[in-house]
């Protein structure tokens, strides 16, 4: 437990030198037997999720005994609000923050558990409706009174009760058994607020229960709509506290401001996740100030490169409904997943997505996705033309696709000065624009882009550059044996080597002699590769 201190303390994240020093001290203590390393009981947690839909639907069986509509309205409203907050948080906070990347392990763990509490609360509501039906189905005229009672019960009972319950959960035995699961997430998402150990959910049901029970027993009334609104609002405020953002305004930081003590900020709760034994309060830091456990935490400035810097743009497009389902805008928990299929035929998915896309095109012509940093100084951005697979199926639409690609290039060059553009996915399709050549010609012919030194590359361009540089950088290399050199990539690599490395001899395994150069020879005898220092295999040779 935290001891009361006489003066407030500001805690900042340690710099890299101090972190290294602490790690060295810890390793030294372990090696000397002074410190015992204890395995986490939660780090290998894996939950079976295949029955989740069934568990969500099971309360329907209680329809003959109690109204289930309030149960599902509350549960679904909470799930939708959780998804909406995740989407808004990604769009406004995380999309451009290339330094705030979460591991696949954390996202998988949180995805499996973040809705468990909501479903569990649905079962608790069913039970309470059976025991105390009057607590949920008071006359609608009492809703305002119930809301007032619920608010003051939360402030006067739930807040202090949670503070002490939270400190109890940080006792080592309880931390190891329950609460440590939540604290596996150091870098949090809004929905991290819902991720708890299964047994811990029952601790919180008991902690937050007075907000529903006391208005009924002491005030004489309670209503399911008030309970549902309280839970949704509770989730939203709780998610706010787990947003990994800086929010520093005098209304929250000035010691004379009442809001400093009555309502928390994300940094208040991030301080708890960073240092564990501080900032135990729920939404009101007041109890931490009163009991000496408040610690000022300042989230470090990520020092991102300027928001208007954009050195590279990779141009993509929509890949159908399954593509949208795996995008972070839909759910950040799906970003590491493969293309997701629904029960619909693939053609139906494409047509559905195309209809949605047509509506979106009434408002925007392109969409920017996340940005990333290259080498600590260059910023890349993914931007998508609003085209779906349907547009790449019909040749009659190819001209429009190419025009929108060039329009996107013009807009980004005018707005950010971007000169380097890559064509992704079907945007470099041979039938569409001859692997990007048509786009290059359109850019050269466009009056707005003339003299702008625009560069276009495709995935083939990057592969060619990579293969060429790996070969060219091998010291004292005098000859190579090339399998698959007649393809687009292989031919370009050979031409670059012949031009820039006149001392290098290239033997191509092929009967088709499509390159004429004194340094390039052809053979159909595969055993000749044994005469060379390096063999480049551009394709698999049968047999």
Protein backbone atom coordinates (compact mmCIF):
# COMPACT_ATOMS: atom_id res chain seq x y z
CA UNK A 1 0.00 0.00 0.00
CA UNK A 2 1.13 3.57 -0.58
CA UNK A 3 2.27 5.64 2.39
CA UNK A 4 1.02 9.18 2.78
CA UNK A 5 3.54 11.78 1.67
CA UNK A 6 3.89 15.32 2.85
CA UNK A 7 4.27 16.94 -0.55
CA UNK A 8 3.13 16.19 -4.08
CA UNK A 9 5.55 14.51 -6.37
CA UNK A 10 5.85 14.87 -10.14
CA UNK A 11 6.86 11.64 -11.85
CA UNK A 12 8.15 11.59 -15.40
CA UNK A 13 9.09 8.60 -17.47
CA UNK A 14 12.78 7.77 -17.01
CA UNK A 15 15.17 8.50 -19.84
CA UNK A 16 16.98 5.72 -21.66
CA UNK A 17 20.15 6.06 -19.53
CA UNK A 18 18.29 5.69 -16.24
CA UNK A 19 16.26 2.80 -17.67
CA UNK A 20 19.48 1.02 -18.61
CA UNK A 21 20.86 1.69 -15.16
CA UNK A 22 17.75 0.29 -13.46
CA UNK A 23 17.84 -2.79 -15.68
CA UNK A 24 21.52 -3.36 -14.85
CA UNK A 25 20.82 -3.04 -11.13
CA UNK A 26 17.92 -5.47 -11.39
CA UNK A 27 19.99 -8.04 -13.28
CA UNK A 28 22.77 -7.69 -10.71
CA UNK A 29 20.32 -8.20 -7.84
CA UNK A 30 18.89 -11.30 -9.50
CA UNK A 31 22.31 -12.77 -10.16
CA UNK A 32 23.29 -12.19 -6.52
CA UNK A 33 20.12 -13.86 -5.29
CA UNK A 34 18.72 -10.69 -3.71
CA UNK A 35 15.68 -10.53 -5.97
CA UNK A 36 13.39 -13.42 -6.92
CA UNK A 37 11.79 -13.26 -10.36
CA UNK A 38 8.17 -14.41 -10.27
CA UNK A 39 6.42 -15.56 -13.42
CA UNK A 40 3.27 -13.64 -14.26
CA UNK A 41 0.12 -15.69 -13.84
CA UNK A 42 -1.54 -13.78 -16.68
CA UNK A 43 1.07 -13.37 -19.41
CA UNK A 44 0.25 -16.75 -21.00
CA UNK A 45 -3.51 -16.31 -20.65
CA UNK A 46 -5.51 -17.62 -23.59
CA UNK A 47 -9.32 -17.56 -23.51
CA UNK A 48 -11.56 -19.76 -25.61
CA UNK A 49 -13.79 -17.46 -27.66
CA UNK A 50 -15.76 -19.79 -29.92
CA UNK A 51 -18.78 -19.80 -27.59
CA UNK A 52 -18.99 -16.01 -27.16
CA UNK A 53 -21.91 -15.53 -29.54
CA UNK A 54 -23.82 -18.33 -27.85
CA UNK A 55 -23.23 -16.81 -24.41
CA UNK A 56 -24.46 -13.46 -25.70
CA UNK A 57 -27.69 -15.03 -27.01
CA UNK A 58 -28.47 -17.31 -24.04
CA UNK A 59 -30.38 -14.65 -22.02
CA UNK A 60 -33.09 -14.87 -24.70
CA UNK A 61 -34.16 -18.10 -22.99
CA UNK A 62 -35.31 -16.01 -20.01
CA UNK A 63 -37.93 -14.17 -22.07
CA UNK A 64 -40.78 -16.06 -20.37
CA UNK A 65 -39.62 -15.01 -16.92
CA UNK A 66 -38.50 -11.39 -17.31
CA UNK A 67 -38.33 -8.73 -20.05
CA UNK A 68 -35.08 -9.16 -21.96
CA UNK A 69 -35.35 -6.06 -24.18
CA UNK A 70 -33.80 -3.77 -21.51
CA UNK A 71 -30.97 -6.27 -21.07
CA UNK A 72 -30.09 -6.35 -24.75
CA UNK A 73 -30.63 -2.63 -25.29
CA UNK A 74 -28.12 -1.90 -22.53
CA UNK A 75 -25.64 -4.54 -23.64
CA UNK A 76 -25.72 -3.61 -27.33
CA UNK A 77 -25.53 0.12 -26.55
CA UNK A 78 -22.39 -0.52 -24.49
CA UNK A 79 -20.80 -2.62 -27.24
CA UNK A 80 -21.56 -0.02 -29.90
CA UNK A 81 -20.22 2.81 -27.76
CA UNK A 82 -17.00 0.83 -27.14
CA UNK A 83 -16.51 0.35 -30.89
CA UNK A 84 -17.36 3.97 -31.66
CA UNK A 85 -14.89 5.28 -29.08
CA UNK A 86 -12.16 3.00 -30.46
CA UNK A 87 -12.81 4.31 -33.98
CA UNK A 88 -12.87 7.99 -32.96
CA UNK A 89 -9.75 7.55 -30.82
CA UNK A 90 -7.90 5.94 -33.73
CA UNK A 91 -8.94 8.60 -36.22
CA UNK A 92 -8.17 11.58 -33.97
CA UNK A 93 -5.27 10.31 -31.86
CA UNK A 94 -3.56 7.17 -33.11
CA UNK A 95 -3.76 7.28 -36.91
CA UNK A 96 -0.97 9.83 -37.26
CA UNK A 97 0.97 8.83 -34.15
CA UNK A 98 3.50 6.46 -35.69
CA UNK A 99 5.26 6.00 -32.34
CA UNK A 100 2.24 4.56 -30.56
CA UNK A 101 2.22 1.03 -31.96
CA UNK A 102 0.82 -1.82 -29.89
CA UNK A 103 1.98 -5.40 -30.07
CA UNK A 104 -0.03 -8.15 -31.70
CA UNK A 105 0.05 -10.01 -28.38
CA UNK A 106 -1.64 -7.16 -26.49
CA UNK A 107 -4.26 -6.60 -29.17
CA UNK A 108 -5.11 -10.32 -29.29
CA UNK A 109 -5.40 -10.52 -25.49
CA UNK A 110 -7.59 -7.44 -25.21
CA UNK A 111 -9.78 -8.41 -28.16
CA UNK A 112 -10.60 -11.74 -26.51
CA UNK A 113 -11.63 -10.11 -23.23
CA UNK A 114 -12.86 -6.55 -23.65
CA UNK A 115 -16.55 -7.51 -24.07
CA UNK A 116 -16.61 -10.20 -21.37
CA UNK A 117 -17.66 -7.77 -18.64
CA UNK A 118 -20.54 -6.41 -20.71
CA UNK A 119 -21.96 -9.89 -21.33
CA UNK A 120 -21.45 -10.83 -17.69
CA UNK A 121 -23.35 -7.72 -16.61
CA UNK A 122 -26.24 -8.81 -18.83
CA UNK A 123 -26.54 -12.00 -16.78
CA UNK A 124 -26.31 -9.97 -13.55
CA UNK A 125 -29.13 -7.74 -14.79
CA UNK A 126 -31.30 -10.78 -15.59
CA UNK A 127 -30.75 -12.06 -12.05
CA UNK A 128 -31.56 -8.70 -10.45
CA UNK A 129 -34.68 -8.30 -12.61
CA UNK A 130 -35.91 -11.64 -11.30
CA UNK A 131 -35.16 -10.77 -7.66
CA UNK A 132 -36.04 -7.05 -7.65
CA UNK A 133 -38.33 -6.37 -10.64
CA UNK A 134 -39.36 -3.03 -9.14
CA UNK A 135 -35.75 -1.84 -9.39
CA UNK A 136 -35.98 -1.83 -13.18
CA UNK A 137 -39.60 -1.17 -14.10
CA UNK A 138 -40.62 1.88 -12.14
CA UNK A 139 -43.05 4.28 -13.81
CA UNK A 140 -41.38 6.43 -16.48
CA UNK A 141 -42.34 9.60 -14.60
CA UNK A 142 -39.69 8.65 -12.00
CA UNK A 143 -36.75 8.55 -14.46
CA UNK A 144 -35.48 12.06 -13.60
CA UNK A 145 -35.60 11.35 -9.85
CA UNK A 146 -33.80 8.03 -10.37
CA UNK A 147 -31.09 9.74 -12.40
CA UNK A 148 -30.42 12.30 -9.65
CA UNK A 149 -30.26 9.58 -7.00
CA UNK A 150 -27.90 7.50 -9.17
CA UNK A 151 -25.56 10.44 -9.79
CA UNK A 152 -25.18 11.33 -6.12
CA UNK A 153 -24.84 7.68 -5.12
CA UNK A 154 -21.98 7.37 -7.56
CA UNK A 155 -20.26 10.48 -6.20
CA UNK A 156 -20.83 9.71 -2.52
CA UNK A 157 -20.58 5.92 -2.43
CA UNK A 158 -19.14 4.38 -5.58
CA UNK A 159 -16.14 6.73 -5.88
CA UNK A 160 -14.74 6.13 -2.37
CA UNK A 161 -15.72 2.45 -2.48
CA UNK A 162 -13.84 1.99 -5.73
CA UNK A 163 -10.78 3.78 -4.34
CA UNK A 164 -10.46 1.32 -1.46
CA UNK A 165 -11.38 -1.69 -3.61
CA UNK A 166 -8.72 -0.66 -6.09
CA UNK A 167 -6.09 -0.40 -3.36
CA UNK A 168 -7.19 -3.81 -2.12
CA UNK A 169 -6.66 -5.20 -5.64
CA UNK A 170 -3.08 -3.90 -5.51
CA UNK A 171 -2.20 -6.02 -2.51
CA UNK A 172 0.37 -8.44 -4.04
CA UNK A 173 -1.77 -11.55 -3.57
CA UNK A 174 -4.77 -9.98 -5.28
CA UNK A 175 -2.63 -8.29 -7.89
CA UNK A 176 -1.16 -11.63 -8.88
CA UNK A 177 -4.50 -13.45 -8.78
CA UNK A 178 -6.66 -10.84 -10.55
CA UNK A 179 -5.69 -7.24 -11.21
CA UNK A 180 -2.34 -7.98 -12.83
CA UNK A 181 -4.19 -9.08 -15.96
CA UNK A 182 -5.45 -5.53 -16.52
CA UNK A 183 -2.00 -4.10 -15.86
CA UNK A 184 -0.38 -6.17 -18.58
CA UNK A 185 -1.38 -3.21 -20.78
CA UNK A 186 1.13 -0.44 -20.12
CA UNK A 187 0.26 1.42 -23.32
CA UNK A 188 -3.51 1.56 -23.20
CA UNK A 189 -6.42 1.84 -25.59
CA UNK A 190 -9.84 3.23 -24.59
CA UNK A 191 -11.23 -0.32 -24.45
CA UNK A 192 -8.41 -1.42 -22.14
CA UNK A 193 -10.75 -0.09 -19.46
CA UNK A 194 -13.01 -3.10 -20.08
CA UNK A 195 -10.25 -5.72 -19.97
CA UNK A 196 -10.26 -7.47 -16.59
CA UNK A 197 -9.58 -10.85 -15.08
CA UNK A 198 -12.83 -12.88 -14.96
CA UNK A 199 -13.01 -13.01 -11.14
CA UNK A 200 -12.27 -9.30 -10.93
CA UNK A 201 -15.50 -8.52 -12.78
CA UNK A 202 -17.42 -9.74 -9.72
CA UNK A 203 -15.42 -7.35 -7.50
CA UNK A 204 -16.55 -4.50 -9.73
CA UNK A 205 -20.15 -5.68 -9.81
CA UNK A 206 -20.15 -5.42 -6.01
CA UNK A 207 -18.37 -2.05 -6.15
CA UNK A 208 -20.67 -0.39 -8.67
CA UNK A 209 -23.84 -2.14 -7.50
CA UNK A 210 -24.75 0.57 -4.95
CA UNK A 211 -25.34 3.01 -7.85
CA UNK A 212 -28.35 0.87 -8.78
CA UNK A 213 -29.39 -0.59 -5.44
CA UNK A 214 -29.31 2.43 -3.12
CA UNK A 215 -31.63 4.64 -5.21
CA UNK A 216 -34.12 1.76 -5.15
CA UNK A 217 -33.86 0.90 -1.44
CA UNK A 218 -33.35 4.42 -0.08
CA UNK A 219 -35.04 6.57 -2.73
CA UNK A 220 -37.84 4.14 -3.44
CA UNK A 221 -37.35 4.01 -7.21
CA UNK A 222 -34.99 2.97 -9.98
CA UNK A 223 -35.44 2.47 -13.73
CA UNK A 224 -33.71 0.27 -16.29
CA UNK A 225 -33.21 3.24 -18.64
CA UNK A 226 -31.25 5.08 -15.93
CA UNK A 227 -29.18 1.96 -15.22
CA UNK A 228 -28.47 1.51 -18.92
CA UNK A 229 -27.54 5.18 -19.40
CA UNK A 230 -25.31 5.04 -16.31
CA UNK A 231 -23.42 1.99 -17.63
CA UNK A 232 -22.92 3.51 -21.10
CA UNK A 233 -21.78 6.83 -19.66
CA UNK A 234 -19.56 4.99 -17.18
CA UNK A 235 -17.89 3.08 -20.04
CA UNK A 236 -17.33 6.29 -22.02
CA UNK A 237 -15.70 8.12 -19.09
CA UNK A 238 -13.67 5.04 -18.17
CA UNK A 239 -12.49 4.76 -21.79
CA UNK A 240 -11.52 8.46 -21.71
CA UNK A 241 -9.18 7.74 -18.82
CA UNK A 242 -7.44 5.01 -20.81
CA UNK A 243 -6.82 7.13 -23.90
CA UNK A 244 -3.08 7.32 -24.36
CA UNK A 245 -3.04 11.09 -24.91
CA UNK A 246 -1.75 14.29 -23.30
CA UNK A 247 -4.43 16.59 -21.91
CA UNK A 248 -2.86 19.50 -20.08
CA UNK A 249 -5.09 22.49 -19.46
CA UNK A 250 -5.14 24.81 -16.44
CA UNK A 251 -8.69 23.69 -15.65
CA UNK A 252 -7.21 20.27 -14.82
CA UNK A 253 -3.70 21.22 -13.68
CA UNK A 254 -4.07 24.42 -11.65
CA UNK A 255 -4.16 23.60 -7.95
CA UNK A 256 -6.94 26.16 -7.38
CA UNK A 257 -9.21 24.63 -10.01
CA UNK A 258 -12.01 22.42 -8.56
CA UNK A 259 -11.86 20.22 -11.68
CA UNK A 260 -8.35 19.12 -10.70
CA UNK A 261 -9.92 17.23 -7.81
CA UNK A 262 -13.38 16.39 -9.18
CA UNK A 263 -12.62 14.94 -12.62
CA UNK A 264 -9.62 13.07 -13.90
CA UNK A 265 -7.62 13.22 -17.13
CA UNK A 266 -6.02 10.42 -19.17
CA UNK A 267 -2.64 11.36 -17.69
CA UNK A 268 -3.98 10.79 -14.18
CA UNK A 269 -4.84 7.17 -14.97
CA UNK A 270 -1.83 6.65 -17.26
CA UNK A 271 0.23 7.50 -14.19
CA UNK A 272 -1.46 4.62 -12.39
CA UNK A 273 -0.63 2.21 -15.22
CA UNK A 274 2.96 3.45 -15.36
CA UNK A 275 3.72 3.32 -11.63
CA UNK A 276 1.02 1.06 -10.12
CA UNK A 277 1.06 2.44 -6.55
CA UNK A 278 -0.53 5.82 -7.18
CA UNK A 279 -3.69 7.41 -8.59
CA UNK A 280 -6.15 4.72 -7.48
CA UNK A 281 -9.26 6.87 -7.87
CA UNK A 282 -12.02 6.12 -10.36
CA UNK A 283 -13.07 9.40 -12.00
CA UNK A 284 -12.39 11.77 -9.08
CA UNK A 285 -8.75 12.34 -8.02
CA UNK A 286 -10.10 13.85 -4.78
CA UNK A 287 -9.60 10.63 -2.81
CA UNK A 288 -5.98 10.31 -3.88
CA UNK A 289 -5.30 13.91 -2.83
CA UNK A 290 -7.01 13.34 0.53
CA UNK A 291 -5.21 10.06 1.29
CA UNK A 292 -1.77 10.94 -0.07
CA UNK A 293 -1.63 8.60 -3.04
CA UNK A 294 -1.79 11.21 -5.78
CA UNK A 295 1.22 11.45 -8.07
CA UNK A 296 1.49 13.97 -10.87
CA UNK A 297 2.27 12.20 -14.12
CA UNK A 298 3.31 13.98 -17.30
CA UNK A 299 3.08 11.93 -20.45
CA UNK A 300 6.20 12.61 -22.51
CA UNK A 301 5.79 14.56 -25.71
CA UNK A 302 6.25 12.00 -28.53
CA UNK A 303 7.99 14.70 -30.60
CA UNK A 304 6.48 13.62 -33.88
CA UNK A 305 7.59 15.06 -37.17
CA UNK A 306 5.36 17.92 -38.47
CA UNK A 307 1.78 16.96 -39.28
CA UNK A 308 2.09 18.45 -42.78
CA UNK A 309 5.27 16.52 -43.63
CA UNK A 310 4.59 13.82 -46.21
CA UNK A 311 7.58 12.53 -48.18
CA UNK A 312 6.09 9.36 -49.64
CA UNK A 313 2.56 8.28 -50.49
CA UNK A 314 1.56 4.68 -51.12
CA UNK A 315 -1.68 4.64 -53.12
CA UNK A 316 -4.08 1.84 -52.25
CA UNK A 317 -7.78 1.10 -52.66
CA UNK A 318 -10.60 -0.76 -50.99
CA UNK A 319 -10.36 -4.54 -51.23
CA UNK A 320 -13.97 -5.38 -50.48
CA UNK A 321 -16.02 -5.87 -47.32
CA UNK A 322 -13.45 -8.24 -45.82
CA UNK A 323 -10.83 -5.52 -46.20
CA UNK A 324 -12.92 -3.00 -44.26
CA UNK A 325 -13.49 -5.52 -41.46
CA UNK A 326 -9.73 -5.80 -40.93
CA UNK A 327 -9.07 -2.04 -40.94
CA UNK A 328 -8.30 -0.22 -37.67
CA UNK A 329 -11.06 2.30 -38.42
CA UNK A 330 -13.53 -0.56 -38.00
CA UNK A 331 -11.71 -2.19 -35.09
CA UNK A 332 -8.10 -1.61 -34.10
CA UNK A 333 -8.08 -5.16 -32.75
CA UNK A 334 -8.28 -6.54 -36.30
CA UNK A 335 -5.19 -4.85 -37.74
CA UNK A 336 -3.03 -7.99 -37.64
CA UNK A 337 -5.73 -10.23 -39.05
CA UNK A 338 -5.96 -11.59 -42.59
CA UNK A 339 -8.69 -10.68 -45.07
CA UNK A 340 -11.94 -11.53 -43.26
CA UNK A 341 -14.75 -13.32 -45.03
CA UNK A 342 -18.42 -13.14 -44.07
CA UNK A 343 -21.17 -15.65 -44.82
CA UNK A 344 -21.96 -13.74 -48.04
CA UNK A 345 -20.60 -14.87 -51.42
CA UNK A 346 -17.55 -12.91 -52.48
CA UNK A 347 -19.49 -11.30 -55.35
CA UNK A 348 -22.15 -10.09 -52.89
CA UNK A 349 -19.46 -8.64 -50.60
CA UNK A 350 -17.94 -6.77 -53.54
CA UNK A 351 -21.30 -5.35 -54.67
CA UNK A 352 -22.28 -4.33 -51.14
CA UNK A 353 -18.98 -2.55 -50.64
CA UNK A 354 -19.30 -0.90 -54.05
CA UNK A 355 -22.72 0.49 -53.12
CA UNK A 356 -21.32 1.92 -49.87
CA UNK A 357 -18.38 3.32 -51.80
CA UNK A 358 -20.69 5.12 -54.26
CA UNK A 359 -22.33 6.92 -51.33
CA UNK A 360 -18.96 7.88 -49.86
CA UNK A 361 -17.85 9.29 -53.20
CA UNK A 362 -20.56 11.92 -52.94
CA UNK A 363 -18.50 13.52 -50.16
CA UNK A 364 -14.83 12.57 -50.71
CA UNK A 365 -12.66 11.25 -53.54
CA UNK A 366 -9.84 9.74 -51.51
CA UNK A 367 -9.04 8.68 -47.96
CA UNK A 368 -5.79 8.94 -46.01
CA UNK A 369 -4.81 6.08 -43.74
CA UNK A 370 -2.02 5.87 -41.17
CA UNK A 371 1.39 7.48 -41.59
CA UNK A 372 4.72 5.92 -40.76
CA UNK A 373 8.28 7.11 -40.20
CA UNK A 374 11.26 6.01 -42.28
CA UNK A 375 14.77 6.40 -40.94
CA UNK A 376 13.64 8.84 -38.27
CA UNK A 377 13.35 11.72 -40.74
CA UNK A 378 10.99 10.79 -43.59
CA UNK A 379 7.21 10.39 -43.38
CA UNK A 380 5.26 7.94 -45.48
CA UNK A 381 1.50 7.94 -45.81
CA UNK A 382 -1.01 5.46 -47.18
CA UNK A 383 -3.77 7.09 -49.22
CA UNK A 384 -6.60 5.27 -50.95
CA UNK A 385 -8.60 6.16 -54.02
CA UNK A 386 -12.27 5.37 -53.41
CA UNK A 387 -12.37 2.38 -55.70
CA UNK A 388 -13.49 -1.18 -54.99
CA UNK A 389 -12.65 -4.49 -56.71
CA UNK A 390 -15.63 -3.92 -59.03
CA UNK A 391 -13.79 -0.98 -60.61
CA UNK A 392 -10.82 -3.21 -61.46
CA UNK A 393 -12.95 -5.96 -63.01
CA UNK A 394 -14.50 -3.96 -65.85
CA UNK A 395 -12.12 -2.44 -68.47
CA UNK A 396 -14.64 0.33 -69.13
CA UNK A 397 -13.75 1.79 -65.72
CA UNK A 398 -9.97 1.71 -66.09
CA UNK A 399 -9.66 5.25 -67.45
CA UNK A 400 -11.59 6.65 -64.47
CA UNK A 401 -9.39 4.72 -62.01
CA UNK A 402 -6.19 6.02 -63.60
CA UNK A 403 -7.55 9.57 -63.62
CA UNK A 404 -8.35 9.41 -59.90
CA UNK A 405 -4.87 8.09 -59.16
CA UNK A 406 -3.35 11.07 -60.97
CA UNK A 407 -5.79 13.44 -59.22
CA UNK A 408 -4.66 12.06 -55.87
CA UNK A 409 -1.04 12.63 -56.88
CA UNK A 410 -1.83 16.22 -57.86
CA UNK A 411 -3.70 16.97 -54.64
CA UNK A 412 -0.96 15.57 -52.40
CA UNK A 413 1.77 17.34 -54.32
CA UNK A 414 -0.09 20.65 -54.11
CA UNK A 415 -0.92 20.29 -50.41
CA UNK A 416 2.24 18.66 -49.03
CA UNK A 417 4.80 18.93 -51.80
CA UNK A 418 5.00 15.13 -52.01
CA UNK A 419 7.03 13.90 -54.98
CA UNK A 420 7.28 10.15 -54.42
CA UNK A 421 4.26 7.93 -54.98
CA UNK A 422 3.87 4.16 -54.94
CA UNK A 423 1.12 2.16 -56.61
CA UNK A 424 -0.28 -0.59 -54.41
CA UNK A 425 -2.46 -3.63 -54.95
CA UNK A 426 -4.52 -3.46 -58.16
CA UNK A 427 -3.45 0.12 -58.87
CA UNK A 428 -0.40 -1.29 -60.69
CA UNK A 429 -2.34 -4.01 -62.54
CA UNK A 430 -0.98 -4.78 -66.02
CA UNK A 431 -4.41 -4.50 -67.66
CA UNK A 432 -5.14 -1.23 -65.83
CA UNK A 433 -2.06 0.84 -66.60
CA UNK A 434 0.70 -1.47 -67.86
CA UNK A 435 2.23 -1.86 -64.41
CA UNK A 436 2.19 1.89 -63.74
CA UNK A 437 3.61 3.05 -67.08
CA UNK A 438 0.34 4.74 -68.07
CA UNK A 439 0.35 6.70 -64.78
CA UNK A 440 3.91 7.85 -65.45
CA UNK A 441 2.90 9.07 -68.91
CA UNK A 442 -0.20 10.84 -67.54
CA UNK A 443 1.90 12.57 -64.87
CA UNK A 444 4.42 13.74 -67.46
CA UNK A 445 1.62 15.10 -69.65
CA UNK A 446 -0.28 16.87 -66.89
CA UNK A 447 0.35 20.67 -66.97
CA UNK A 448 0.03 20.96 -63.17
CA UNK A 449 2.72 18.33 -62.55
CA UNK A 450 5.22 19.32 -65.21
CA UNK A 451 8.48 20.39 -63.66
CA UNK A 452 7.51 18.92 -60.23
CA UNK A 453 9.92 15.97 -60.63
CA UNK A 454 7.27 13.44 -59.57
CA UNK A 455 8.49 9.85 -59.11
CA UNK A 456 6.24 6.79 -59.40
CA UNK A 457 7.13 3.32 -58.16
CA UNK A 458 5.40 0.00 -57.72
CA UNK A 459 6.12 -3.04 -55.61
CA UNK A 460 8.20 -4.28 -58.56
CA UNK A 461 10.24 -1.08 -58.41
CA UNK A 462 11.13 -1.66 -54.77
CA UNK A 463 11.93 -5.33 -55.36
CA UNK A 464 14.16 -4.41 -58.31
CA UNK A 465 16.02 -1.82 -56.23
CA UNK A 466 16.48 -4.29 -53.38
CA UNK A 467 17.79 -7.11 -55.60
CA UNK A 468 20.09 -4.80 -57.56
CA UNK A 469 21.64 -3.20 -54.48
CA UNK A 470 22.18 -6.53 -52.73
CA UNK A 471 24.09 -7.82 -55.77
CA UNK A 472 25.99 -4.59 -56.44
CA UNK A 473 27.19 -4.33 -52.84
CA UNK A 474 28.88 -7.77 -52.80
CA UNK A 475 32.62 -6.97 -52.84
CA UNK A 476 34.81 -8.30 -55.67
CA UNK A 477 31.87 -10.00 -57.37
CA UNK A 478 32.79 -10.76 -61.00
CA UNK A 479 29.97 -13.02 -62.21
CA UNK A 480 26.45 -14.18 -61.36
CA UNK A 481 24.11 -16.91 -62.57
CA UNK A 482 20.56 -15.58 -63.00
CA UNK A 483 17.46 -17.80 -63.11
CA UNK A 484 14.32 -15.97 -64.21
CA UNK A 485 16.05 -12.95 -65.70
CA UNK A 486 13.58 -12.58 -68.55
CA UNK A 487 10.83 -11.31 -66.29
CA UNK A 488 10.18 -7.62 -65.69
CA UNK A 489 12.23 -7.47 -62.48
CA UNK A 490 15.02 -9.74 -63.68
CA UNK A 491 15.48 -7.89 -66.95
CA UNK A 492 15.69 -4.51 -65.21
CA UNK A 493 18.24 -5.82 -62.68
CA UNK A 494 20.39 -7.24 -65.48
CA UNK A 495 20.25 -3.99 -67.47
CA UNK A 496 21.26 -1.96 -64.39
CA UNK A 497 24.16 -4.31 -63.61
CA UNK A 498 25.33 -4.26 -67.24
CA UNK A 499 25.26 -0.46 -67.21
CA UNK A 500 26.76 0.23 -63.79
CA UNK A 501 29.04 -2.81 -63.36
CA UNK A 502 30.81 -3.29 -66.73
CA UNK A 503 33.27 -5.68 -65.07
CA UNK A 504 30.51 -8.17 -64.11
CA UNK A 505 29.54 -11.13 -66.30
CA UNK A 506 25.92 -12.36 -66.19
CA UNK A 507 24.87 -15.86 -67.27
CA UNK A 508 21.12 -16.18 -67.75
CA UNK A 509 19.43 -19.58 -67.53
CA UNK A 510 17.01 -19.40 -70.48
CA UNK A 511 16.61 -20.45 -74.09
CA UNK A 512 15.10 -17.07 -74.98
CA UNK A 513 17.79 -14.46 -75.55
CA UNK A 514 15.85 -11.23 -75.14
CA UNK A 515 18.74 -9.04 -73.88
CA UNK A 516 21.62 -8.18 -76.16
CA UNK A 517 24.74 -7.10 -74.26
CA UNK A 518 28.35 -8.29 -74.39
CA UNK A 519 28.32 -9.04 -70.65
CA UNK A 520 25.11 -11.11 -70.80
CA UNK A 521 25.18 -14.70 -72.06
CA UNK A 522 22.54 -17.43 -72.09
CA UNK A 523 22.59 -21.14 -71.26
CA UNK A 524 20.19 -24.04 -70.86
CA UNK A 525 22.65 -26.04 -68.75
CA UNK A 526 21.72 -25.59 -65.09
CA UNK A 527 25.01 -27.11 -63.88
CA UNK A 528 26.82 -23.97 -65.05
CA UNK A 529 25.66 -22.22 -61.88
CA UNK A 530 28.49 -24.08 -60.10
CA UNK A 531 30.98 -21.89 -61.94
CA UNK A 532 29.67 -18.69 -60.33
CA UNK A 533 30.02 -17.11 -56.92
CA UNK A 534 26.36 -16.00 -56.71
CA UNK A 535 23.14 -17.46 -58.10
CA UNK A 536 20.04 -15.25 -58.29
CA UNK A 537 16.80 -17.24 -58.47
CA UNK A 538 13.92 -15.15 -59.73
CA UNK A 539 11.62 -18.14 -60.10
CA UNK A 540 11.44 -21.76 -58.93
CA UNK A 541 12.86 -24.21 -61.44
CA UNK A 542 10.78 -27.46 -61.75
CA UNK A 543 12.60 -30.70 -60.90
